Every structure is written in C-alpha cells, then in structure tokens.
Amino acid sequence: MTENIEHDLISRRQAFSLFGAAAAFGLAMPITLSALSEAQAQTPGMERREDRREDRQDRREDRREGRQERRDERRTGGDQPATTGGTTGSTTSTTTGTTTGK
C-alpha cells in the first residue's frame, strides 16, 4: 500500500493533444444528445402506439369536459350558464309595515 508514485511531467505536445481530445469530445456530445432527442418513430408499431396514446388523451379530455359541464348544470340549475365569481349583485327588496284594515 505504501508505494511511491512517480510523477512525470507531460510535454507540451501531449498537453495539446489531451486538450484537443477534450475539446472534440465536448463538441461531439451536444450534437449526439440533440440528435437523440429529435428522434421520430421508426417503426409502424411505434406509430400505432403513438396514435393509440393520442386517442386515449382525447377521450380523457372529452370525459373531463363532460364532467365539468355536468357540475356547472348542477350548480346553476341547468337552465342558465354558469357564472364565475359568485353572486352578480341581485337584490331582493321586502316591504315591512302595518296595514290598516278598513
């Protein structure tokens, strides 16, 4: 475990080649990652799967819209469109007083 490790200095040529390899790798990596992220479906099976997924999402959206419409109908009594923000400022006036019978 107690080995002496010798450190050798690297030459300028070796340093430049190491720097060049690091730069090339650094430039090649983003290009490779961008090519992977833009990949399209390559087989008919993958395309069918994507179509089924879109259909499921459309059906879910339709169900959500239907539920929201039913909620709105229950809240408003079904004969008026739903209003947002609570009451609209309608007032009810009552008269109190005495009546005299003649």
C-alpha atoms as a PDB file:
ATOM      1  CA  MET A   1       0.000   0.000   0.000  1.00  0.00           C
ATOM      2  CA  THR A   2       2.882   2.360   0.565  1.00  0.00           C
ATOM      3  CA  GLU A   3       4.149   2.617  -2.974  1.00  0.00           C
ATOM      4  CA  ASN A   4       5.989   5.604  -4.228  1.00  0.00           C
ATOM      5  CA  ILE A   5       4.217   7.050  -7.235  1.00  0.00           C
ATOM      6  CA  GLU A   6       6.440   8.859  -9.641  1.00  0.00           C
ATOM      7  CA  HIS A   7       5.046  11.967 -11.265  1.00  0.00           C
ATOM      8  CA  ASP A   8       6.227  12.663 -14.740  1.00  0.00           C
ATOM      9  CA  LEU A   9       5.722  15.986 -16.409  1.00  0.00           C
ATOM     10  CA  ILE A  10       3.917  15.849 -19.680  1.00  0.00           C
ATOM     11  CA  SER A  11       5.259  17.581 -22.711  1.00  0.00           C
ATOM     12  CA  ARG A  12       3.584  20.445 -24.495  1.00  0.00           C
ATOM     13  CA  ARG A  13       2.672  18.113 -27.349  1.00  0.00           C
ATOM     14  CA  GLN A  14       0.921  15.706 -25.014  1.00  0.00           C
ATOM     15  CA  ALA A  15      -0.890  18.566 -23.281  1.00  0.00           C
ATOM     16  CA  PHE A  16      -2.158  19.955 -26.595  1.00  0.00           C
ATOM     17  CA  SER A  17      -3.316  16.552 -27.775  1.00  0.00           C
ATOM     18  CA  LEU A  18      -5.121  15.997 -24.480  1.00  0.00           C
ATOM     19  CA  PHE A  19      -6.726  19.452 -24.748  1.00  0.00           C
ATOM     20  CA  GLY A  20      -7.754  18.752 -28.364  1.00  0.00           C
ATOM     21  CA  ALA A  21      -9.330  15.426 -27.450  1.00  0.00           C
ATOM     22  CA  ALA A  22     -11.289  17.058 -24.615  1.00  0.00           C
ATOM     23  CA  ALA A  23     -12.494  19.836 -26.933  1.00  0.00           C
ATOM     24  CA  ALA A  24     -13.561  17.358 -29.618  1.00  0.00           C
ATOM     25  CA  PHE A  25     -15.447  15.284 -27.085  1.00  0.00           C
ATOM     26  CA  GLY A  26     -17.084  18.409 -25.674  1.00  0.00           C
ATOM     27  CA  LEU A  27     -18.320  19.459 -29.106  1.00  0.00           C
ATOM     28  CA  ALA A  28     -19.452  15.988 -30.146  1.00  0.00           C
ATOM     29  CA  MET A  29     -21.538  15.349 -27.020  1.00  0.00           C
ATOM     30  CA  PRO A  30     -24.216  18.066 -27.510  1.00  0.00           C
ATOM     31  CA  ILE A  31     -24.619  17.101 -31.175  1.00  0.00           C
ATOM     32  CA  THR A  32     -25.192  13.483 -30.195  1.00  0.00           C
ATOM     33  CA  LEU A  33     -27.706  14.404 -27.485  1.00  0.00           C
ATOM     34  CA  SER A  34     -29.665  16.724 -29.769  1.00  0.00           C
ATOM     35  CA  ALA A  35     -29.894  14.015 -32.422  1.00  0.00           C
ATOM     36  CA  LEU A  36     -31.319  11.588 -29.864  1.00  0.00           C
ATOM     37  CA  SER A  37     -33.959  13.981 -28.544  1.00  0.00           C
ATOM     38  CA  GLU A  38     -35.383  14.686 -32.017  1.00  0.00           C
ATOM     39  CA  ALA A  39     -35.812  11.032 -32.901  1.00  0.00           C
ATOM     40  CA  GLN A  40     -39.076  10.141 -34.621  1.00  0.00           C
ATOM     41  CA  ALA A  41     -40.984   6.881 -34.558  1.00  0.00           C
ATOM     42  CA  GLN A  42     -39.140   4.496 -36.821  1.00  0.00           C
ATOM     43  CA  THR A  43     -41.433   1.504 -36.989  1.00  0.00           C
ATOM     44  CA  PRO A  44     -45.115   1.120 -37.839  1.00  0.00           C
ATOM     45  CA  GLY A  45     -45.656  -0.380 -34.377  1.00  0.00           C
ATOM     46  CA  MET A  46     -44.306   2.733 -32.699  1.00  0.00           C
ATOM     47  CA  GLU A  47     -46.543   4.924 -34.862  1.00  0.00           C
ATOM     48  CA  ARG A  48     -49.624   2.851 -33.948  1.00  0.00           C
ATOM     49  CA  ARG A  49     -48.699   3.147 -30.282  1.00  0.00           C
ATOM     50  CA  GLU A  50     -48.437   6.930 -30.584  1.00  0.00           C
ATOM     51  CA  ASP A  51     -51.838   7.046 -32.329  1.00  0.00           C
ATOM     52  CA  ARG A  52     -53.436   4.996 -29.551  1.00  0.00           C
ATOM     53  CA  ARG A  53     -51.895   7.276 -26.951  1.00  0.00           C
ATOM     54  CA  GLU A  54     -53.306  10.374 -28.678  1.00  0.00           C
ATOM     55  CA  ASP A  55     -56.739   8.727 -28.853  1.00  0.00           C
ATOM     56  CA  ARG A  56     -56.646   7.957 -25.124  1.00  0.00           C
ATOM     57  CA  GLN A  57     -55.683  11.532 -24.320  1.00  0.00           C
ATOM     58  CA  ASP A  58     -58.557  12.843 -26.471  1.00  0.00           C
ATOM     59  CA  ARG A  59     -61.061  10.552 -24.723  1.00  0.00           C
ATOM     60  CA  ARG A  60     -59.819  11.674 -21.294  1.00  0.00           C
ATOM     61  CA  GLU A  61     -60.188  15.306 -22.292  1.00  0.00           C
ATOM     62  CA  ASP A  62     -63.743  14.665 -23.516  1.00  0.00           C
ATOM     63  CA  ARG A  63     -64.637  12.967 -20.224  1.00  0.00           C
ATOM     64  CA  ARG A  64     -63.205  15.885 -18.238  1.00  0.00           C
ATOM     65  CA  GLU A  65     -65.220  18.372 -20.286  1.00  0.00           C
ATOM     66  CA  GLY A  66     -68.380  16.318 -19.755  1.00  0.00           C
ATOM     67  CA  ARG A  67     -67.846  16.199 -16.008  1.00  0.00           C
ATOM     68  CA  GLN A  68     -67.273  19.950 -15.890  1.00  0.00           C
ATOM     69  CA  GLU A  69     -70.480  20.590 -17.862  1.00  0.00           C
ATOM     70  CA  ARG A  70     -72.488  18.355 -15.507  1.00  0.00           C
ATOM     71  CA  ARG A  71     -71.022  20.182 -12.490  1.00  0.00           C
ATOM     72  CA  ASP A  72     -71.941  23.536 -13.987  1.00  0.00           C
ATOM     73  CA  GLU A  73     -75.504  22.331 -14.652  1.00  0.00           C
ATOM     74  CA  ARG A  74     -75.900  21.171 -11.057  1.00  0.00           C
ATOM     75  CA  ARG A  75     -74.617  24.497  -9.716  1.00  0.00           C
ATOM     76  CA  THR A  76     -76.852  26.677 -11.864  1.00  0.00           C
ATOM     77  CA  GLY A  77     -79.953  24.530 -12.005  1.00  0.00           C
ATOM     78  CA  GLY A  78     -79.385  23.555 -15.616  1.00  0.00           C
ATOM     79  CA  ASP A  79     -81.290  26.437 -17.229  1.00  0.00           C
ATOM     80  CA  GLN A  80     -78.582  29.109 -17.102  1.00  0.00           C
ATOM     81  CA  PRO A  81     -74.910  29.095 -17.987  1.00  0.00           C
ATOM     82  CA  ALA A  82     -72.581  29.015 -15.028  1.00  0.00           C
ATOM     83  CA  THR A  83     -71.339  32.333 -13.737  1.00  0.00           C
ATOM     84  CA  THR A  84     -67.961  32.836 -12.243  1.00  0.00           C
ATOM     85  CA  GLY A  85     -67.421  34.913  -9.179  1.00  0.00           C
ATOM     86  CA  GLY A  86     -70.447  34.109  -7.044  1.00  0.00           C
ATOM     87  CA  THR A  87     -73.397  36.473  -6.860  1.00  0.00           C
ATOM     88  CA  THR A  88     -73.980  39.039  -9.554  1.00  0.00           C
ATOM     89  CA  GLY A  89     -75.415  41.704  -7.321  1.00  0.00           C
ATOM     90  CA  SER A  90     -79.103  40.839  -7.494  1.00  0.00           C
ATOM     91  CA  THR A  91     -81.060  42.265  -4.580  1.00  0.00           C
ATOM     92  CA  THR A  92     -84.368  41.367  -3.103  1.00  0.00           C
ATOM     93  CA  SER A  93     -86.474  44.089  -1.555  1.00  0.00           C
ATOM     94  CA  THR A  94     -89.077  43.414   1.044  1.00  0.00           C
ATOM     95  CA  THR A  95     -91.513  45.869   2.487  1.00  0.00           C
ATOM     96  CA  THR A  96     -92.415  45.758   6.083  1.00  0.00           C
ATOM     97  CA  GLY A  97     -95.046  47.812   7.648  1.00  0.00           C
ATOM     98  CA  THR A  98     -98.534  47.795   9.005  1.00  0.00           C
ATOM     99  CA  THR A  99    -101.654  47.625   7.051  1.00  0.00           C
ATOM    100  CA  THR A 100    -104.837  49.120   8.251  1.00  0.00           C
ATOM    101  CA  GLY A 101    -107.980  47.312   7.565  1.00  0.00           C
ATOM    102  CA  LYS A 102    -110.999  49.473   6.600  1.00  0.00           C
END
